[in-house]
């Protein structure tokens, strides 16, 4: 069964919440999903097959599901200096294999050496087959 990025993200959110059961409801919106928790906090999920049209300076604390492609990884590297100061979390997904890896630039920036940043992100990227 093939899922689109929005369906994969919704299934992922429900799976991650299966223990804590914090979610009140999930609403499908134009660019992704809006999750309302039982404490009335809201988490926004953006589903973007391609990141190249996103403006990194407009991001703050969203969760972004994108396909695991070299161009998306290159966008993250190009925008690292903006992303490292946000609470954004990326989920790089291969929909054909239902496989993914995640990246929190703010946290990653604090635990890695700048000189090995690209090498480390490429290693994470290569841990899941590229989406073609």
N, C-alpha and C. Protein backbone atom coordinates (compact mmCIF):
# COMPACT_ATOMS: atom_id res chain seq x y z
N UNK A 1 0.83 -1.18 0.00
CA UNK A 1 0.00 0.00 0.00
C UNK A 1 0.88 1.25 0.00
N UNK A 2 0.71 2.10 -1.00
CA UNK A 2 1.48 3.32 -1.07
C UNK A 2 0.74 4.45 -0.38
N UNK A 3 1.45 5.18 0.45
CA UNK A 3 0.90 6.34 1.15
C UNK A 3 1.49 7.60 0.56
N UNK A 4 0.71 8.68 0.64
CA UNK A 4 1.32 9.97 0.31
C UNK A 4 1.96 10.52 1.59
N UNK A 5 2.63 11.64 1.48
CA UNK A 5 3.39 12.18 2.61
C UNK A 5 2.48 12.58 3.77
N UNK A 6 1.32 13.11 3.47
CA UNK A 6 0.38 13.50 4.53
C UNK A 6 -0.14 12.26 5.26
N UNK A 7 -0.46 11.21 4.54
CA UNK A 7 -0.93 9.97 5.16
C UNK A 7 0.17 9.34 6.02
N UNK A 8 1.40 9.33 5.50
CA UNK A 8 2.52 8.77 6.26
C UNK A 8 2.71 9.56 7.55
N UNK A 9 2.65 10.88 7.45
CA UNK A 9 2.86 11.74 8.63
C UNK A 9 1.78 11.49 9.67
N UNK A 10 0.54 11.37 9.24
CA UNK A 10 -0.55 11.11 10.18
C UNK A 10 -0.36 9.76 10.88
N UNK A 11 0.01 8.74 10.12
CA UNK A 11 0.26 7.42 10.71
C UNK A 11 1.43 7.48 11.69
N UNK A 12 2.48 8.22 11.34
CA UNK A 12 3.65 8.38 12.20
C UNK A 12 3.28 9.07 13.51
N UNK A 13 2.49 10.14 13.42
CA UNK A 13 2.05 10.88 14.60
C UNK A 13 1.25 9.97 15.53
N UNK A 14 0.32 9.22 14.97
CA UNK A 14 -0.52 8.32 15.78
C UNK A 14 0.33 7.24 16.44
N UNK A 15 1.29 6.70 15.70
CA UNK A 15 2.18 5.68 16.25
C UNK A 15 2.99 6.25 17.43
N UNK A 16 3.56 7.45 17.24
CA UNK A 16 4.38 8.06 18.30
C UNK A 16 3.55 8.40 19.53
N UNK A 17 2.24 8.61 19.36
CA UNK A 17 1.37 8.97 20.47
C UNK A 17 0.70 7.75 21.11
N UNK A 18 0.96 6.58 20.60
CA UNK A 18 0.24 5.38 21.07
C UNK A 18 0.46 5.07 22.55
N UNK A 19 1.56 5.47 23.12
CA UNK A 19 1.82 5.21 24.54
C UNK A 19 1.25 6.32 25.42
N UNK A 20 1.54 7.58 25.05
CA UNK A 20 1.16 8.70 25.92
C UNK A 20 -0.27 9.18 25.72
N UNK A 21 -0.82 8.96 24.55
CA UNK A 21 -2.21 9.34 24.24
C UNK A 21 -2.49 10.80 24.59
N UNK A 22 -1.65 11.69 24.07
CA UNK A 22 -1.80 13.12 24.32
C UNK A 22 -2.64 13.84 23.27
N UNK A 23 -2.88 13.19 22.15
CA UNK A 23 -3.56 13.85 21.04
C UNK A 23 -5.06 13.88 21.25
N UNK A 24 -5.60 15.07 21.03
CA UNK A 24 -7.05 15.26 21.09
C UNK A 24 -7.65 15.04 19.70
N UNK A 25 -7.06 15.69 18.68
CA UNK A 25 -7.49 15.45 17.31
C UNK A 25 -6.42 15.86 16.31
N UNK A 26 -6.55 15.34 15.10
CA UNK A 26 -5.64 15.66 14.00
C UNK A 26 -6.50 16.20 12.87
N UNK A 27 -6.13 17.39 12.40
CA UNK A 27 -6.88 18.03 11.33
C UNK A 27 -5.99 18.15 10.09
N UNK A 28 -6.51 17.71 8.96
CA UNK A 28 -5.78 17.88 7.70
C UNK A 28 -5.96 19.30 7.22
N UNK A 29 -4.86 19.97 6.94
CA UNK A 29 -4.88 21.34 6.43
C UNK A 29 -4.13 21.37 5.10
N UNK A 30 -4.15 22.51 4.44
CA UNK A 30 -3.62 22.61 3.08
C UNK A 30 -2.19 22.09 2.94
N UNK A 31 -1.30 22.48 3.81
CA UNK A 31 0.11 22.11 3.66
C UNK A 31 0.54 20.98 4.59
N UNK A 32 -0.41 20.34 5.30
CA UNK A 32 0.00 19.28 6.20
C UNK A 32 -1.07 18.91 7.19
N UNK A 33 -0.70 18.97 8.48
CA UNK A 33 -1.60 18.56 9.55
C UNK A 33 -1.47 19.51 10.73
N UNK A 34 -2.57 19.66 11.45
CA UNK A 34 -2.56 20.42 12.69
C UNK A 34 -3.00 19.46 13.79
N UNK A 35 -2.16 19.28 14.80
CA UNK A 35 -2.45 18.34 15.87
C UNK A 35 -2.76 19.14 17.14
N UNK A 36 -3.95 18.92 17.66
CA UNK A 36 -4.34 19.55 18.93
C UNK A 36 -4.20 18.48 20.01
N UNK A 37 -3.44 18.83 21.03
CA UNK A 37 -3.22 17.92 22.15
C UNK A 37 -4.26 18.14 23.24
N UNK A 38 -4.36 17.21 24.15
CA UNK A 38 -5.35 17.31 25.23
C UNK A 38 -5.11 18.52 26.13
N UNK A 39 -3.87 19.04 26.16
CA UNK A 39 -3.59 20.25 26.93
C UNK A 39 -3.86 21.52 26.10
N UNK A 40 -4.48 21.34 24.94
CA UNK A 40 -4.84 22.39 23.98
C UNK A 40 -3.65 23.02 23.26
N UNK A 41 -2.44 22.49 23.43
CA UNK A 41 -1.32 22.96 22.62
C UNK A 41 -1.50 22.42 21.20
N UNK A 42 -0.92 23.12 20.25
CA UNK A 42 -1.04 22.73 18.85
C UNK A 42 0.35 22.54 18.26
N UNK A 43 0.51 21.44 17.52
CA UNK A 43 1.75 21.18 16.79
C UNK A 43 1.40 21.18 15.30
N UNK A 44 2.16 21.95 14.53
CA UNK A 44 1.93 22.03 13.09
C UNK A 44 2.93 21.13 12.35
N UNK A 45 2.39 20.34 11.46
CA UNK A 45 3.19 19.47 10.61
C UNK A 45 3.06 19.94 9.17
N UNK A 46 4.18 20.23 8.55
CA UNK A 46 4.19 20.62 7.14
C UNK A 46 4.64 19.39 6.35
N UNK A 47 3.91 19.07 5.31
CA UNK A 47 4.28 17.96 4.42
C UNK A 47 4.76 18.56 3.11
N UNK A 48 6.04 18.40 2.82
CA UNK A 48 6.64 19.02 1.64
C UNK A 48 7.54 18.01 0.93
N UNK A 49 7.14 17.62 -0.25
CA UNK A 49 7.97 16.70 -1.01
C UNK A 49 9.32 17.34 -1.33
N UNK A 50 9.30 18.64 -1.59
CA UNK A 50 10.50 19.37 -1.97
C UNK A 50 10.60 20.63 -1.11
N UNK A 51 11.73 20.83 -0.46
CA UNK A 51 11.91 21.97 0.44
C UNK A 51 12.34 23.25 -0.27
N UNK A 52 12.71 23.19 -1.54
CA UNK A 52 13.35 24.33 -2.19
C UNK A 52 12.51 25.60 -2.20
N UNK A 53 11.20 25.50 -2.10
CA UNK A 53 10.36 26.71 -2.10
C UNK A 53 10.03 27.19 -0.70
N UNK A 54 10.58 26.56 0.32
CA UNK A 54 10.32 26.98 1.70
C UNK A 54 11.29 28.09 2.08
N UNK A 55 10.81 28.99 2.93
CA UNK A 55 11.64 30.07 3.45
C UNK A 55 12.03 29.70 4.88
N UNK A 56 13.27 29.36 5.08
CA UNK A 56 13.74 28.90 6.39
C UNK A 56 13.51 29.94 7.48
N UNK A 57 13.58 31.21 7.14
CA UNK A 57 13.41 32.25 8.16
C UNK A 57 11.97 32.36 8.65
N UNK A 58 11.03 31.71 7.98
CA UNK A 58 9.63 31.72 8.42
C UNK A 58 9.31 30.54 9.33
N UNK A 59 10.28 29.67 9.57
CA UNK A 59 10.06 28.49 10.40
C UNK A 59 10.45 28.77 11.84
N UNK A 60 9.73 28.14 12.78
CA UNK A 60 10.08 28.32 14.19
C UNK A 60 10.03 27.01 14.96
N UNK A 61 8.86 26.35 14.99
CA UNK A 61 8.75 25.13 15.79
C UNK A 61 7.93 24.05 15.08
N UNK A 62 7.81 24.15 13.79
CA UNK A 62 7.05 23.16 13.02
C UNK A 62 7.77 21.82 12.96
N UNK A 63 7.01 20.82 12.60
CA UNK A 63 7.56 19.51 12.26
C UNK A 63 7.38 19.40 10.76
N UNK A 64 8.42 19.01 10.06
CA UNK A 64 8.36 18.97 8.60
C UNK A 64 8.65 17.56 8.12
N UNK A 65 7.71 16.98 7.38
CA UNK A 65 7.93 15.71 6.72
C UNK A 65 8.27 16.02 5.27
N UNK A 66 9.40 15.47 4.82
CA UNK A 66 9.81 15.68 3.43
C UNK A 66 10.40 14.37 2.92
N UNK A 67 10.52 14.27 1.61
CA UNK A 67 11.10 13.05 1.06
C UNK A 67 12.61 13.05 1.28
N UNK A 68 13.15 11.86 1.40
CA UNK A 68 14.58 11.68 1.63
C UNK A 68 15.30 11.79 0.28
N UNK A 69 15.59 13.04 -0.11
CA UNK A 69 16.28 13.29 -1.37
C UNK A 69 17.51 14.15 -1.11
N UNK A 70 18.47 14.06 -2.02
CA UNK A 70 19.68 14.88 -1.89
C UNK A 70 19.35 16.36 -1.93
N UNK A 71 18.39 16.75 -2.75
CA UNK A 71 18.06 18.17 -2.84
C UNK A 71 17.48 18.69 -1.52
N UNK A 72 16.69 17.87 -0.81
CA UNK A 72 16.17 18.30 0.49
C UNK A 72 17.28 18.38 1.53
N UNK A 73 18.20 17.43 1.50
CA UNK A 73 19.35 17.49 2.41
C UNK A 73 20.20 18.72 2.11
N UNK A 74 20.42 19.02 0.84
CA UNK A 74 21.20 20.21 0.46
C UNK A 74 20.51 21.49 0.92
N UNK A 75 19.17 21.53 0.86
CA UNK A 75 18.42 22.71 1.33
C UNK A 75 18.67 22.91 2.82
N UNK A 76 18.63 21.83 3.60
CA UNK A 76 18.87 21.92 5.04
C UNK A 76 20.29 22.44 5.29
N UNK A 77 21.26 21.89 4.61
CA UNK A 77 22.64 22.34 4.80
C UNK A 77 22.80 23.81 4.41
N UNK A 78 22.19 24.22 3.32
CA UNK A 78 22.27 25.61 2.86
C UNK A 78 21.64 26.56 3.88
N UNK A 79 20.59 26.12 4.55
CA UNK A 79 19.86 26.97 5.49
C UNK A 79 20.20 26.68 6.95
N UNK A 80 21.27 25.96 7.19
CA UNK A 80 21.63 25.53 8.54
C UNK A 80 21.73 26.68 9.53
N UNK A 81 22.34 27.78 9.13
CA UNK A 81 22.55 28.88 10.07
C UNK A 81 21.24 29.48 10.58
N UNK A 82 20.17 29.36 9.80
CA UNK A 82 18.85 29.80 10.26
C UNK A 82 18.19 28.69 11.07
N UNK A 83 18.23 27.47 10.55
CA UNK A 83 17.53 26.33 11.17
C UNK A 83 18.08 25.98 12.55
N UNK A 84 19.38 26.18 12.78
CA UNK A 84 19.99 25.78 14.05
C UNK A 84 19.44 26.58 15.24
N UNK A 85 18.81 27.71 14.95
CA UNK A 85 18.24 28.55 16.01
C UNK A 85 16.73 28.39 16.14
N UNK A 86 16.18 27.32 15.57
CA UNK A 86 14.74 27.06 15.65
C UNK A 86 14.49 25.77 16.42
N UNK A 87 13.22 25.46 16.60
CA UNK A 87 12.82 24.19 17.21
C UNK A 87 12.21 23.26 16.18
N UNK A 88 12.51 23.50 14.91
CA UNK A 88 11.98 22.70 13.81
C UNK A 88 12.56 21.29 13.88
N UNK A 89 11.73 20.32 13.57
CA UNK A 89 12.18 18.93 13.46
C UNK A 89 11.81 18.43 12.08
N UNK A 90 12.76 17.83 11.39
CA UNK A 90 12.54 17.27 10.06
C UNK A 90 12.42 15.75 10.14
N UNK A 91 11.52 15.21 9.34
CA UNK A 91 11.41 13.77 9.14
C UNK A 91 11.65 13.54 7.65
N UNK A 92 12.77 12.91 7.33
CA UNK A 92 13.11 12.59 5.95
C UNK A 92 12.59 11.19 5.67
N UNK A 93 11.71 11.06 4.69
CA UNK A 93 10.93 9.84 4.49
C UNK A 93 11.18 9.22 3.12
N UNK A 94 11.30 7.90 3.09
CA UNK A 94 11.22 7.15 1.84
C UNK A 94 9.87 6.44 1.87
N UNK A 95 8.91 6.97 1.14
CA UNK A 95 7.55 6.43 1.14
C UNK A 95 7.48 5.03 0.53
N UNK A 96 8.39 4.71 -0.37
CA UNK A 96 8.38 3.39 -1.01
C UNK A 96 8.76 2.28 -0.03
N UNK A 97 9.51 2.63 1.00
CA UNK A 97 9.96 1.63 1.96
C UNK A 97 9.40 1.87 3.37
N UNK A 98 8.60 2.92 3.53
CA UNK A 98 8.07 3.29 4.86
C UNK A 98 9.22 3.38 5.86
N UNK A 99 10.26 4.09 5.48
CA UNK A 99 11.46 4.23 6.29
C UNK A 99 11.78 5.72 6.41
N UNK A 100 12.39 6.11 7.53
CA UNK A 100 12.66 7.53 7.72
C UNK A 100 13.81 7.75 8.70
N UNK A 101 14.29 8.98 8.73
CA UNK A 101 15.22 9.44 9.75
C UNK A 101 14.82 10.87 10.12
N UNK A 102 15.16 11.28 11.33
CA UNK A 102 14.72 12.58 11.82
C UNK A 102 15.91 13.45 12.20
N UNK A 103 15.68 14.75 12.13
CA UNK A 103 16.74 15.72 12.43
C UNK A 103 16.15 16.91 13.16
N UNK A 104 16.74 17.24 14.29
CA UNK A 104 16.41 18.44 15.04
C UNK A 104 17.65 19.34 14.94
N UNK A 105 17.65 20.31 14.00
CA UNK A 105 18.87 21.12 13.80
C UNK A 105 19.36 21.82 15.06
N UNK A 106 18.45 22.32 15.89
CA UNK A 106 18.88 23.01 17.11
C UNK A 106 19.67 22.10 18.03
N UNK A 107 19.16 20.91 18.25
CA UNK A 107 19.85 19.95 19.11
C UNK A 107 21.11 19.43 18.43
N UNK A 108 20.99 19.10 17.15
CA UNK A 108 22.13 18.55 16.42
C UNK A 108 23.30 19.55 16.42
N UNK A 109 22.99 20.82 16.28
CA UNK A 109 24.02 21.85 16.25
C UNK A 109 24.80 21.90 17.56
N UNK A 110 24.11 21.63 18.66
CA UNK A 110 24.76 21.69 19.98
C UNK A 110 25.62 20.48 20.29
N UNK A 111 25.43 19.37 19.59
CA UNK A 111 26.16 18.15 19.92
C UNK A 111 27.16 17.71 18.86
N UNK A 112 27.29 18.50 17.80
CA UNK A 112 28.21 18.09 16.75
C UNK A 112 29.21 19.21 16.46
N UNK A 113 30.33 18.83 15.93
CA UNK A 113 31.35 19.79 15.51
C UNK A 113 30.96 20.36 14.15
N UNK A 114 31.12 21.65 13.98
CA UNK A 114 30.77 22.28 12.70
C UNK A 114 31.56 21.65 11.55
N UNK A 115 32.80 21.26 11.81
CA UNK A 115 33.63 20.70 10.76
C UNK A 115 33.13 19.33 10.27
N UNK A 116 32.33 18.64 11.07
CA UNK A 116 31.83 17.32 10.66
C UNK A 116 30.33 17.33 10.39
N UNK A 117 29.71 18.53 10.37
CA UNK A 117 28.26 18.64 10.18
C UNK A 117 27.80 17.95 8.89
N UNK A 118 28.38 18.34 7.77
CA UNK A 118 27.94 17.78 6.49
C UNK A 118 28.13 16.28 6.46
N UNK A 119 29.27 15.80 6.89
CA UNK A 119 29.57 14.36 6.91
C UNK A 119 28.54 13.62 7.76
N UNK A 120 28.21 14.16 8.92
CA UNK A 120 27.23 13.53 9.81
C UNK A 120 25.84 13.49 9.20
N UNK A 121 25.42 14.59 8.58
CA UNK A 121 24.09 14.61 7.95
C UNK A 121 24.02 13.69 6.74
N UNK A 122 25.10 13.62 5.98
CA UNK A 122 25.14 12.69 4.85
C UNK A 122 25.04 11.25 5.35
N UNK A 123 25.68 10.93 6.46
CA UNK A 123 25.59 9.58 7.03
C UNK A 123 24.16 9.26 7.45
N UNK A 124 23.47 10.21 8.07
CA UNK A 124 22.07 10.01 8.44
C UNK A 124 21.22 9.82 7.19
N UNK A 125 21.44 10.68 6.19
CA UNK A 125 20.72 10.60 4.93
C UNK A 125 20.88 9.22 4.28
N UNK A 126 22.11 8.72 4.29
CA UNK A 126 22.39 7.43 3.64
C UNK A 126 21.88 6.23 4.44
N UNK A 127 21.43 6.46 5.68
CA UNK A 127 20.90 5.35 6.47
C UNK A 127 19.52 4.90 5.99
N UNK A 128 18.89 5.72 5.16
CA UNK A 128 17.59 5.39 4.55
C UNK A 128 17.76 5.57 3.05
N UNK A 129 17.33 4.61 2.24
CA UNK A 129 17.47 4.75 0.80
C UNK A 129 16.83 6.05 0.29
N UNK A 130 17.49 6.68 -0.67
CA UNK A 130 16.96 7.92 -1.23
C UNK A 130 15.64 7.65 -1.94
N UNK A 131 14.70 8.56 -1.78
CA UNK A 131 13.39 8.47 -2.43
C UNK A 131 13.55 8.94 -3.86
N UNK A 132 13.16 8.11 -4.80
CA UNK A 132 13.27 8.47 -6.22
C UNK A 132 11.92 8.53 -6.86
